[in-house]
């Protein structure tokens, strides 16, 4: 493996913030406020420990890069596009730890401007409440290419090192009618301990590559407390007429955290990168425990070599 991208896949929260390009047109509609109450709301929990609640009669769909919430009353335009869209997303906040950080506001506004250039900011940044954590809300309005007045509202907060947001967009009357429900969804954000499949706890060795010139191997230590350490060792040896090269072992170490559940492994590296891959643990013909990790670069096998 060439780098920490051994575990490669779609990122979390861009992985559970948002690829908003899924809507290309919005048409007018009038939709009533959902009559769902907190008593019949459902709870969604991501294996990394992030959770939220949403109305029991709404549908939640996990899409690569974000989560979409769908009202049972949603209508579609003549082009087949939903007339209202609700996107929930999260990503590592990195060095951003405050809602006052101008980088956060800049990133949020940029995401809306790039996807919906016809929307213009209305008013200033509003303070809202997200559970026990303060949040902010940005509102934009405009007329889309089909001539409809559209409103977009983006609510965001920082929680346990993650930037969490809910983006609502649709005709003005629909967004106004849904505002209380969207606020309650946003206020339900919570962060607890992530899931950790005990089958993955231990020391894992990736396949050794030896092409006669160099060899390279990586070991991953997955702790029961969610810590993760990757140590990659490589050596290059060349012995040919007129050429002789024997490098010392080169070692690279990376650290991060991991969580896993339902066959999905999530890695948050200390450098800010993330990985989301599928996994399966089984016993091979020699009686060894092996983990098959499947991501964008294919499937890689790992053998458990220690506790």
C-alpha atoms as a PDB file:
ATOM      1  CA  UNK A   1       0.000   0.000   0.000  1.00  0.00           C
ATOM      2  CA  UNK A   2       1.379   3.363  -0.953  1.00  0.00           C
ATOM      3  CA  UNK A   3      -0.058   5.463   1.835  1.00  0.00           C
ATOM      4  CA  UNK A   4      -2.758   5.719   4.474  1.00  0.00           C
ATOM      5  CA  UNK A   5      -5.260   5.239   1.678  1.00  0.00           C
ATOM      6  CA  UNK A   6      -5.190   1.479   2.270  1.00  0.00           C
ATOM      7  CA  UNK A   7      -8.646   2.047   3.687  1.00  0.00           C
ATOM      8  CA  UNK A   8     -10.141   4.006   0.806  1.00  0.00           C
ATOM      9  CA  UNK A   9     -13.751   4.930   0.183  1.00  0.00           C
ATOM     10  CA  UNK A  10     -16.244   7.746   0.417  1.00  0.00           C
ATOM     11  CA  UNK A  11     -15.679  10.111   3.310  1.00  0.00           C
ATOM     12  CA  UNK A  12     -17.972  10.197   6.295  1.00  0.00           C
ATOM     13  CA  UNK A  13     -20.092  12.903   6.408  1.00  0.00           C
ATOM     14  CA  UNK A  14     -19.577  14.441   3.362  1.00  0.00           C
ATOM     15  CA  UNK A  15     -19.783  11.594   5.197  1.00  0.00           C
ATOM     16  CA  UNK A  16     -23.638  11.363   6.847  1.00  0.00           C
ATOM     17  CA  UNK A  17     -22.011  17.716   4.366  1.00  0.00           C
ATOM     18  CA  UNK A  18     -23.456  17.891   1.396  1.00  0.00           C
ATOM     19  CA  UNK A  19     -23.269  17.244  -2.281  1.00  0.00           C
ATOM     20  CA  UNK A  20     -26.150  19.537  -3.055  1.00  0.00           C
ATOM     21  CA  UNK A  21     -26.008  19.098  -6.816  1.00  0.00           C
ATOM     22  CA  UNK A  22     -28.738  16.473  -6.719  1.00  0.00           C
ATOM     23  CA  UNK A  23     -31.366  19.143  -7.380  1.00  0.00           C
ATOM     24  CA  UNK A  24     -31.229  20.885 -10.733  1.00  0.00           C
ATOM     25  CA  UNK A  25     -34.704  22.439 -10.625  1.00  0.00           C
ATOM     26  CA  UNK A  26     -37.352  23.278  -8.033  1.00  0.00           C
ATOM     27  CA  UNK A  27     -41.019  23.875  -8.757  1.00  0.00           C
ATOM     28  CA  UNK A  28     -43.727  25.480  -6.658  1.00  0.00           C
ATOM     29  CA  UNK A  29     -45.762  23.472  -4.207  1.00  0.00           C
ATOM     30  CA  UNK A  30     -47.782  23.968  -1.067  1.00  0.00           C
ATOM     31  CA  UNK A  31     -47.215  21.423   1.656  1.00  0.00           C
ATOM     32  CA  UNK A  32     -48.561  21.278   5.182  1.00  0.00           C
ATOM     33  CA  UNK A  33     -46.453  21.016   8.310  1.00  0.00           C
ATOM     34  CA  UNK A  34     -45.861  17.386   9.270  1.00  0.00           C
ATOM     35  CA  UNK A  35     -47.996  16.353  12.215  1.00  0.00           C
ATOM     36  CA  UNK A  36     -45.283  14.052  13.568  1.00  0.00           C
ATOM     37  CA  UNK A  37     -44.522  14.513  17.254  1.00  0.00           C
ATOM     38  CA  UNK A  38     -41.464  13.704  19.321  1.00  0.00           C
ATOM     39  CA  UNK A  39     -43.267  10.586  20.572  1.00  0.00           C
ATOM     40  CA  UNK A  40     -43.114   8.839  17.213  1.00  0.00           C
ATOM     41  CA  UNK A  41     -39.784  10.132  15.954  1.00  0.00           C
ATOM     42  CA  UNK A  42     -37.094   7.685  14.875  1.00  0.00           C
ATOM     43  CA  UNK A  43     -33.411   7.760  15.801  1.00  0.00           C
ATOM     44  CA  UNK A  44     -30.571   7.328  13.316  1.00  0.00           C
ATOM     45  CA  UNK A  45     -27.116   6.543  14.695  1.00  0.00           C
ATOM     46  CA  UNK A  46     -23.979   6.396  12.608  1.00  0.00           C
ATOM     47  CA  UNK A  47     -21.293   3.906  13.733  1.00  0.00           C
ATOM     48  CA  UNK A  48     -18.930   6.808  14.549  1.00  0.00           C
ATOM     49  CA  UNK A  49     -21.349   7.790  17.355  1.00  0.00           C
ATOM     50  CA  UNK A  50     -23.217  10.692  15.736  1.00  0.00           C
ATOM     51  CA  UNK A  51     -27.001  10.511  15.936  1.00  0.00           C
ATOM     52  CA  UNK A  52     -30.129  12.474  15.114  1.00  0.00           C
ATOM     53  CA  UNK A  53     -33.890  12.111  15.360  1.00  0.00           C
ATOM     54  CA  UNK A  54     -36.417  12.616  12.574  1.00  0.00           C
ATOM     55  CA  UNK A  55     -40.217  12.289  12.173  1.00  0.00           C
ATOM     56  CA  UNK A  56     -41.464   8.724  12.149  1.00  0.00           C
ATOM     57  CA  UNK A  57     -43.377   9.186   8.890  1.00  0.00           C
ATOM     58  CA  UNK A  58     -40.327  10.594   7.069  1.00  0.00           C
ATOM     59  CA  UNK A  59     -37.898   8.408   5.106  1.00  0.00           C
ATOM     60  CA  UNK A  60     -34.131   8.475   5.663  1.00  0.00           C
ATOM     61  CA  UNK A  61     -31.845   7.541   2.783  1.00  0.00           C
ATOM     62  CA  UNK A  62     -28.077   7.151   3.056  1.00  0.00           C
ATOM     63  CA  UNK A  63     -26.490   8.453  -0.127  1.00  0.00           C
ATOM     64  CA  UNK A  64     -22.719   8.447  -0.774  1.00  0.00           C
ATOM     65  CA  UNK A  65     -21.669  11.741   0.753  1.00  0.00           C
ATOM     66  CA  UNK A  66     -24.748  12.675   2.786  1.00  0.00           C
ATOM     67  CA  UNK A  67     -28.079  11.669   4.295  1.00  0.00           C
ATOM     68  CA  UNK A  68     -31.370  12.722   2.721  1.00  0.00           C
ATOM     69  CA  UNK A  69     -34.588  13.087   4.695  1.00  0.00           C
ATOM     70  CA  UNK A  70     -37.808  12.817   2.706  1.00  0.00           C
ATOM     71  CA  UNK A  71     -41.217  14.046   3.862  1.00  0.00           C
ATOM     72  CA  UNK A  72     -44.199  11.824   3.018  1.00  0.00           C
ATOM     73  CA  UNK A  73     -45.869  14.919   1.553  1.00  0.00           C
ATOM     74  CA  UNK A  74     -43.078  15.801  -0.859  1.00  0.00           C
ATOM     75  CA  UNK A  75     -44.168  16.556  -4.402  1.00  0.00           C
ATOM     76  CA  UNK A  76     -42.165  16.471  -7.618  1.00  0.00           C
ATOM     77  CA  UNK A  77     -41.847  18.940 -10.436  1.00  0.00           C
ATOM     78  CA  UNK A  78     -42.620  18.186 -14.072  1.00  0.00           C
ATOM     79  CA  UNK A  79     -38.909  17.370 -14.466  1.00  0.00           C
ATOM     80  CA  UNK A  80     -39.175  14.702 -11.740  1.00  0.00           C
ATOM     81  CA  UNK A  81     -37.221  16.671  -9.154  1.00  0.00           C
ATOM     82  CA  UNK A  82     -38.432  16.961  -5.531  1.00  0.00           C
ATOM     83  CA  UNK A  83     -39.861  20.359  -4.668  1.00  0.00           C
ATOM     84  CA  UNK A  84     -38.166  20.314  -1.274  1.00  0.00           C
ATOM     85  CA  UNK A  85     -34.865  18.813  -0.149  1.00  0.00           C
ATOM     86  CA  UNK A  86     -33.415  18.138   3.306  1.00  0.00           C
ATOM     87  CA  UNK A  87     -29.780  17.110   3.570  1.00  0.00           C
ATOM     88  CA  UNK A  88     -27.992  16.090   6.778  1.00  0.00           C
ATOM     89  CA  UNK A  89     -24.236  15.862   6.733  1.00  0.00           C
ATOM     90  CA  UNK A  90     -21.121  15.803   8.885  1.00  0.00           C
ATOM     91  CA  UNK A  91     -17.389  16.054   8.442  1.00  0.00           C
ATOM     92  CA  UNK A  92     -14.364  16.421  10.643  1.00  0.00           C
ATOM     93  CA  UNK A  93     -14.016  20.021  11.755  1.00  0.00           C
ATOM     94  CA  UNK A  94     -10.215  19.807  11.910  1.00  0.00           C
ATOM     95  CA  UNK A  95      -8.774  22.920  13.535  1.00  0.00           C
ATOM     96  CA  UNK A  96     -12.164  24.663  13.487  1.00  0.00           C
ATOM     97  CA  UNK A  97     -13.519  24.488  17.019  1.00  0.00           C
ATOM     98  CA  UNK A  98     -15.673  27.618  17.197  1.00  0.00           C
ATOM     99  CA  UNK A  99     -18.753  28.836  15.366  1.00  0.00           C
ATOM    100  CA  UNK A 100     -17.028  32.221  15.232  1.00  0.00           C
ATOM    101  CA  UNK A 101     -14.245  30.865  13.026  1.00  0.00           C
ATOM    102  CA  UNK A 102     -14.537  32.722   9.691  1.00  0.00           C
ATOM    103  CA  UNK A 103     -13.373  29.590   7.856  1.00  0.00           C
ATOM    104  CA  UNK A 104     -16.567  27.813   8.882  1.00  0.00           C
ATOM    105  CA  UNK A 105     -18.853  30.572   7.615  1.00  0.00           C
ATOM    106  CA  UNK A 106     -16.833  30.847   4.406  1.00  0.00           C
ATOM    107  CA  UNK A 107     -17.089  27.100   3.745  1.00  0.00           C
ATOM    108  CA  UNK A 108     -20.839  27.030   4.392  1.00  0.00           C
ATOM    109  CA  UNK A 109     -21.545  30.013   2.158  1.00  0.00           C
ATOM    110  CA  UNK A 110     -19.289  28.657  -0.573  1.00  0.00           C
ATOM    111  CA  UNK A 111     -21.174  25.348  -0.676  1.00  0.00           C
ATOM    112  CA  UNK A 112     -24.477  27.127  -1.215  1.00  0.00           C
ATOM    113  CA  UNK A 113     -23.134  29.620  -3.757  1.00  0.00           C
ATOM    114  CA  UNK A 114     -21.446  26.996  -5.919  1.00  0.00           C
ATOM    115  CA  UNK A 115     -24.519  24.792  -6.125  1.00  0.00           C
ATOM    116  CA  UNK A 116     -27.272  27.414  -6.188  1.00  0.00           C
ATOM    117  CA  UNK A 117     -25.711  30.611  -7.615  1.00  0.00           C
ATOM    118  CA  UNK A 118     -29.132  32.258  -7.915  1.00  0.00           C
ATOM    119  CA  UNK A 119     -29.532  32.343  -4.126  1.00  0.00           C
ATOM    120  CA  UNK A 120     -28.555  35.559  -2.322  1.00  0.00           C
ATOM    121  CA  UNK A 121     -27.906  35.926   1.386  1.00  0.00           C
ATOM    122  CA  UNK A 122     -30.813  37.383   3.383  1.00  0.00           C
ATOM    123  CA  UNK A 123     -30.003  39.024   6.696  1.00  0.00           C
ATOM    124  CA  UNK A 124     -27.104  38.151   8.930  1.00  0.00           C
ATOM    125  CA  UNK A 125     -26.028  34.961  10.645  1.00  0.00           C
ATOM    126  CA  UNK A 126     -28.679  33.848  13.136  1.00  0.00           C
ATOM    127  CA  UNK A 127     -27.902  32.048  16.398  1.00  0.00           C
ATOM    128  CA  UNK A 128     -29.940  28.919  17.087  1.00  0.00           C
ATOM    129  CA  UNK A 129     -29.911  26.125  19.647  1.00  0.00           C
ATOM    130  CA  UNK A 130     -28.823  22.571  18.837  1.00  0.00           C
ATOM    131  CA  UNK A 131     -29.489  20.542  21.964  1.00  0.00           C
ATOM    132  CA  UNK A 132     -26.913  21.750  24.453  1.00  0.00           C
ATOM    133  CA  UNK A 133     -24.710  23.186  21.713  1.00  0.00           C
ATOM    134  CA  UNK A 134     -25.087  26.582  20.048  1.00  0.00           C
ATOM    135  CA  UNK A 135     -25.603  26.651  16.305  1.00  0.00           C
ATOM    136  CA  UNK A 136     -25.818  29.118  13.456  1.00  0.00           C
ATOM    137  CA  UNK A 137     -28.238  29.484  10.537  1.00  0.00           C
ATOM    138  CA  UNK A 138     -27.731  31.140   7.173  1.00  0.00           C
ATOM    139  CA  UNK A 139     -30.711  32.024   4.945  1.00  0.00           C
ATOM    140  CA  UNK A 140     -30.594  32.630   1.213  1.00  0.00           C
ATOM    141  CA  UNK A 141     -33.373  33.443  -1.230  1.00  0.00           C
ATOM    142  CA  UNK A 142     -33.654  33.872  -4.982  1.00  0.00           C
ATOM    143  CA  UNK A 143     -35.505  32.986  -8.149  1.00  0.00           C
ATOM    144  CA  UNK A 144     -34.443  29.798  -9.874  1.00  0.00           C
ATOM    145  CA  UNK A 145     -34.086  29.409 -13.672  1.00  0.00           C
ATOM    146  CA  UNK A 146     -37.702  28.182 -13.821  1.00  0.00           C
ATOM    147  CA  UNK A 147     -38.930  31.459 -12.307  1.00  0.00           C
ATOM    148  CA  UNK A 148     -39.823  30.104  -8.867  1.00  0.00           C
ATOM    149  CA  UNK A 149     -38.955  31.918  -5.632  1.00  0.00           C
ATOM    150  CA  UNK A 150     -36.733  29.603  -3.619  1.00  0.00           C
ATOM    151  CA  UNK A 151     -35.467  29.713  -0.046  1.00  0.00           C
ATOM    152  CA  UNK A 152     -32.480  27.822   1.312  1.00  0.00           C
ATOM    153  CA  UNK A 153     -31.598  27.557   5.001  1.00  0.00           C
ATOM    154  CA  UNK A 154     -28.381  25.999   6.273  1.00  0.00           C
ATOM    155  CA  UNK A 155     -28.063  25.254   9.995  1.00  0.00           C
ATOM    156  CA  UNK A 156     -24.695  24.166  11.367  1.00  0.00           C
ATOM    157  CA  UNK A 157     -22.921  23.403  14.616  1.00  0.00           C
ATOM    158  CA  UNK A 158     -19.657  21.972  15.945  1.00  0.00           C
ATOM    159  CA  UNK A 159     -19.998  18.855  18.069  1.00  0.00           C
ATOM    160  CA  UNK A 160     -17.227  16.577  19.314  1.00  0.00           C
ATOM    161  CA  UNK A 161     -14.870  17.603  16.542  1.00  0.00           C
ATOM    162  CA  UNK A 162     -17.446  17.317  13.756  1.00  0.00           C
ATOM    163  CA  UNK A 163     -19.135  20.003  11.685  1.00  0.00           C
ATOM    164  CA  UNK A 164     -22.803  18.986  11.505  1.00  0.00           C
ATOM    165  CA  UNK A 165     -25.413  20.609   9.307  1.00  0.00           C
ATOM    166  CA  UNK A 166     -28.964  20.440   8.015  1.00  0.00           C
ATOM    167  CA  UNK A 167     -29.670  22.082   4.662  1.00  0.00           C
ATOM    168  CA  UNK A 168     -33.277  22.760   3.657  1.00  0.00           C
ATOM    169  CA  UNK A 169     -34.247  24.153   0.265  1.00  0.00           C
ATOM    170  CA  UNK A 170     -37.555  24.544  -1.544  1.00  0.00           C
ATOM    171  CA  UNK A 171     -40.287  27.004  -2.353  1.00  0.00           C
ATOM    172  CA  UNK A 172     -40.680  29.711   0.287  1.00  0.00           C
ATOM    173  CA  UNK A 173     -44.045  28.478   1.572  1.00  0.00           C
ATOM    174  CA  UNK A 174     -42.800  24.905   1.985  1.00  0.00           C
ATOM    175  CA  UNK A 175     -39.630  25.890   3.877  1.00  0.00           C
ATOM    176  CA  UNK A 176     -41.674  28.181   6.122  1.00  0.00           C
ATOM    177  CA  UNK A 177     -44.151  25.382   6.875  1.00  0.00           C
ATOM    178  CA  UNK A 178     -41.354  22.907   7.660  1.00  0.00           C
ATOM    179  CA  UNK A 179     -39.204  25.277   9.701  1.00  0.00           C
ATOM    180  CA  UNK A 180     -40.191  23.958  13.134  1.00  0.00           C
ATOM    181  CA  UNK A 181     -39.674  20.317  12.126  1.00  0.00           C
ATOM    182  CA  UNK A 182     -36.260  21.088  10.616  1.00  0.00           C
ATOM    183  CA  UNK A 183     -35.282  22.987  13.767  1.00  0.00           C
ATOM    184  CA  UNK A 184     -36.220  19.983  15.911  1.00  0.00           C
ATOM    185  CA  UNK A 185     -34.208  17.641  13.683  1.00  0.00           C
ATOM    186  CA  UNK A 186     -31.199  19.937  14.017  1.00  0.00           C
ATOM    187  CA  UNK A 187     -31.628  20.215  17.779  1.00  0.00           C
ATOM    188  CA  UNK A 188     -31.572  16.416  18.105  1.00  0.00           C
ATOM    189  CA  UNK A 189     -27.907  16.111  17.040  1.00  0.00           C
ATOM    190  CA  UNK A 190     -25.916  14.117  19.572  1.00  0.00           C
ATOM    191  CA  UNK A 191     -22.482  12.522  19.743  1.00  0.00           C
ATOM    192  CA  UNK A 192     -21.716   9.451  21.800  1.00  0.00           C
ATOM    193  CA  UNK A 193     -19.271   6.587  21.720  1.00  0.00           C
ATOM    194  CA  UNK A 194     -18.809   4.960  18.355  1.00  0.00           C
ATOM    195  CA  UNK A 195     -19.470   1.290  17.652  1.00  0.00           C
ATOM    196  CA  UNK A 196     -16.414  -0.976  17.663  1.00  0.00           C
ATOM    197  CA  UNK A 197     -16.724  -4.498  16.341  1.00  0.00           C
ATOM    198  CA  UNK A 198     -14.647  -6.645  18.758  1.00  0.00           C
ATOM    199  CA  UNK A 199     -13.659  -8.873  15.848  1.00  0.00           C
ATOM    200  CA  UNK A 200     -11.431  -6.077  14.563  1.00  0.00           C
ATOM    201  CA  UNK A 201      -9.575  -5.389  17.803  1.00  0.00           C
ATOM    202  CA  UNK A 202      -5.948  -6.490  17.547  1.00  0.00           C
ATOM    203  CA  UNK A 203      -2.858  -6.327  15.338  1.00  0.00           C
ATOM    204  CA  UNK A 204      -3.385  -6.829  11.589  1.00  0.00           C
ATOM    205  CA  UNK A 205      -0.759  -7.363   8.904  1.00  0.00           C
ATOM    206  CA  UNK A 206      -1.301  -6.432   5.279  1.00  0.00           C
ATOM    207  CA  UNK A 207       0.138  -8.573   2.496  1.00  0.00           C
ATOM    208  CA  UNK A 208       3.911  -8.360   2.070  1.00  0.00           C
ATOM    209  CA  UNK A 209       5.035  -7.108  -1.310  1.00  0.00           C
ATOM    210  CA  UNK A 210       8.411  -8.365  -2.547  1.00  0.00           C
ATOM    211  CA  UNK A 211       9.208  -7.694  -6.201  1.00  0.00           C
ATOM    212  CA  UNK A 212      12.925  -8.458  -5.947  1.00  0.00           C
ATOM    213  CA  UNK A 213      13.719  -4.761  -5.684  1.00  0.00           C
ATOM    214  CA  UNK A 214      11.675  -3.564  -2.735  1.00  0.00           C
ATOM    215  CA  UNK A 215       9.393  -4.924  -0.102  1.00  0.00           C
ATOM    216  CA  UNK A 216       6.734  -3.113   1.853  1.00  0.00           C
ATOM    217  CA  UNK A 217       4.306  -4.103   4.579  1.00  0.00           C
ATOM    218  CA  UNK A 218       1.897  -2.363   6.926  1.00  0.00           C
ATOM    219  CA  UNK A 219       0.599  -3.224  10.348  1.00  0.00           C
ATOM    220  CA  UNK A 220      -2.553  -1.786  11.853  1.00  0.00           C
ATOM    221  CA  UNK A 221      -3.204  -1.863  15.592  1.00  0.00           C
ATOM    222  CA  UNK A 222      -6.896  -1.365  16.369  1.00  0.00           C
ATOM    223  CA  UNK A 223      -7.419  -0.784  20.071  1.00  0.00           C
ATOM    224  CA  UNK A 224     -10.566  -1.614  21.986  1.00  0.00           C
ATOM    225  CA  UNK A 225     -10.703   2.073  22.973  1.00  0.00           C
ATOM    226  CA  UNK A 226     -11.004   3.149  19.335  1.00  0.00           C
ATOM    227  CA  UNK A 227      -7.386   4.182  18.807  1.00  0.00           C
ATOM    228  CA  UNK A 228      -5.645   3.186  15.589  1.00  0.00           C
ATOM    229  CA  UNK A 229      -1.964   3.077  14.676  1.00  0.00           C
ATOM    230  CA  UNK A 230      -0.551   2.214  11.265  1.00  0.00           C
ATOM    231  CA  UNK A 231       3.139   1.392  10.856  1.00  0.00           C
ATOM    232  CA  UNK A 232       4.478   0.940   7.323  1.00  0.00           C
ATOM    233  CA  UNK A 233       7.962  -0.456   6.743  1.00  0.00           C
ATOM    234  CA  UNK A 234       9.731  -0.501   3.401  1.00  0.00           C
ATOM    235  CA  UNK A 235      13.194  -1.405   2.086  1.00  0.00           C
ATOM    236  CA  UNK A 236      14.788  -1.149  -1.346  1.00  0.00           C
ATOM    237  CA  UNK A 237      17.546  -3.516  -2.478  1.00  0.00           C
ATOM    238  CA  UNK A 238      19.242  -3.326  -5.881  1.00  0.00           C
ATOM    239  CA  UNK A 239      22.161  -5.621  -6.794  1.00  0.00           C
ATOM    240  CA  UNK A 240      23.057  -5.435 -10.462  1.00  0.00           C
ATOM    241  CA  UNK A 241      26.209  -4.961 -12.504  1.00  0.00           C
ATOM    242  CA  UNK A 242      27.539  -1.555 -11.652  1.00  0.00           C
ATOM    243  CA  UNK A 243      24.646  -0.808  -9.316  1.00  0.00           C
ATOM    244  CA  UNK A 244      24.384  -1.667  -5.654  1.00  0.00           C
ATOM    245  CA  UNK A 245      21.769  -0.199  -3.328  1.00  0.00           C
ATOM    246  CA  UNK A 246      20.566  -1.409   0.032  1.00  0.00           C
ATOM    247  CA  UNK A 247      18.500   1.120   1.958  1.00  0.00           C
ATOM    248  CA  UNK A 248      17.818   0.845   5.633  1.00  0.00           C
ATOM    249  CA  UNK A 249      14.294   0.066   6.718  1.00  0.00           C
ATOM    250  CA  UNK A 250      12.081   3.108   6.231  1.00  0.00           C
ATOM    251  CA  UNK A 251       9.280   3.453   8.765  1.00  0.00           C
ATOM    252  CA  UNK A 252       6.186   5.635   8.567  1.00  0.00           C
ATOM    253  CA  UNK A 253       3.701   5.856  11.423  1.00  0.00           C
ATOM    254  CA  UNK A 254       0.177   7.264  11.354  1.00  0.00           C
ATOM    255  CA  UNK A 255      -2.440   7.521  14.074  1.00  0.00           C
ATOM    256  CA  UNK A 256      -6.181   7.943  14.120  1.00  0.00           C
ATOM    257  CA  UNK A 257      -9.418   6.531  15.477  1.00  0.00           C
ATOM    258  CA  UNK A 258     -11.733   3.842  14.183  1.00  0.00           C
ATOM    259  CA  UNK A 259     -15.296   2.664  14.539  1.00  0.00           C
ATOM    260  CA  UNK A 260     -17.095  -0.230  12.890  1.00  0.00           C
ATOM    261  CA  UNK A 261     -20.504  -1.834  12.724  1.00  0.00           C
ATOM    262  CA  UNK A 262     -22.786  -3.647  10.290  1.00  0.00           C
ATOM    263  CA  UNK A 263     -19.866  -4.490   8.010  1.00  0.00           C
ATOM    264  CA  UNK A 264     -18.652  -0.879   7.618  1.00  0.00           C
ATOM    265  CA  UNK A 265     -15.319   0.389   8.929  1.00  0.00           C
ATOM    266  CA  UNK A 266     -14.714   4.116   9.436  1.00  0.00           C
ATOM    267  CA  UNK A 267     -11.258   5.599   9.995  1.00  0.00           C
ATOM    268  CA  UNK A 268     -10.565   9.187  11.058  1.00  0.00           C
ATOM    269  CA  UNK A 269      -6.861   9.931  10.583  1.00  0.00           C
ATOM    270  CA  UNK A 270      -5.080  12.598  12.588  1.00  0.00           C
ATOM    271  CA  UNK A 271      -4.209  14.473   9.381  1.00  0.00           C
ATOM    272  CA  UNK A 272      -7.924  15.066   8.733  1.00  0.00           C
ATOM    273  CA  UNK A 273      -8.460  12.423   6.057  1.00  0.00           C
ATOM    274  CA  UNK A 274     -11.156   9.790   6.471  1.00  0.00           C
ATOM    275  CA  UNK A 275     -11.940   6.359   5.085  1.00  0.00           C
ATOM    276  CA  UNK A 276     -15.207   4.438   4.862  1.00  0.00           C
ATOM    277  CA  UNK A 277     -14.985   0.847   3.630  1.00  0.00           C
ATOM    278  CA  UNK A 278     -16.765  -2.476   3.808  1.00  0.00           C
ATOM    279  CA  UNK A 279     -15.217  -5.358   5.729  1.00  0.00           C
ATOM    280  CA  UNK A 280     -15.707  -9.029   6.412  1.00  0.00           C
ATOM    281  CA  UNK A 281     -13.871 -11.110   9.034  1.00  0.00           C
ATOM    282  CA  UNK A 282     -13.497 -14.840   8.496  1.00  0.00           C
ATOM    283  CA  UNK A 283     -11.186 -17.805   9.136  1.00  0.00           C
ATOM    284  CA  UNK A 284      -9.027 -19.022   6.249  1.00  0.00           C
ATOM    285  CA  UNK A 285      -8.057 -22.611   5.431  1.00  0.00           C
ATOM    286  CA  UNK A 286      -4.978 -22.366   7.662  1.00  0.00           C
ATOM    287  CA  UNK A 287      -7.092 -21.374  10.641  1.00  0.00           C
ATOM    288  CA  UNK A 288      -5.967 -17.728  10.618  1.00  0.00           C
ATOM    289  CA  UNK A 289      -8.346 -14.844  11.138  1.00  0.00           C
ATOM    290  CA  UNK A 290      -8.434 -12.620   8.076  1.00  0.00           C
ATOM    291  CA  UNK A 291     -10.237  -9.362   7.330  1.00  0.00           C
ATOM    292  CA  UNK A 292     -11.208  -8.519   3.773  1.00  0.00           C
ATOM    293  CA  UNK A 293     -11.370  -4.749   3.307  1.00  0.00           C
ATOM    294  CA  UNK A 294     -13.215  -3.506   0.220  1.00  0.00           C
ATOM    295  CA  UNK A 295     -12.910   0.078  -0.986  1.00  0.00           C
ATOM    296  CA  UNK A 296     -12.385   2.170  -4.086  1.00  0.00           C
ATOM    297  CA  UNK A 297      -9.058   0.458  -4.814  1.00  0.00           C
ATOM    298  CA  UNK A 298     -10.489  -3.039  -4.628  1.00  0.00           C
ATOM    299  CA  UNK A 299     -10.297  -5.669  -1.910  1.00  0.00           C
ATOM    300  CA  UNK A 300      -7.273  -6.068   0.360  1.00  0.00           C
ATOM    301  CA  UNK A 301      -6.661  -8.928   2.767  1.00  0.00           C
ATOM    302  CA  UNK A 302      -5.315  -8.534   6.295  1.00  0.00           C
ATOM    303  CA  UNK A 303      -4.204 -11.312   8.636  1.00  0.00           C
ATOM    304  CA  UNK A 304      -4.489 -11.006  12.388  1.00  0.00           C
ATOM    305  CA  UNK A 305      -1.016 -11.455  13.862  1.00  0.00           C
ATOM    306  CA  UNK A 306      -1.508 -10.405  17.458  1.00  0.00           C
ATOM    307  CA  UNK A 307      -3.942  -9.291  20.138  1.00  0.00           C
END
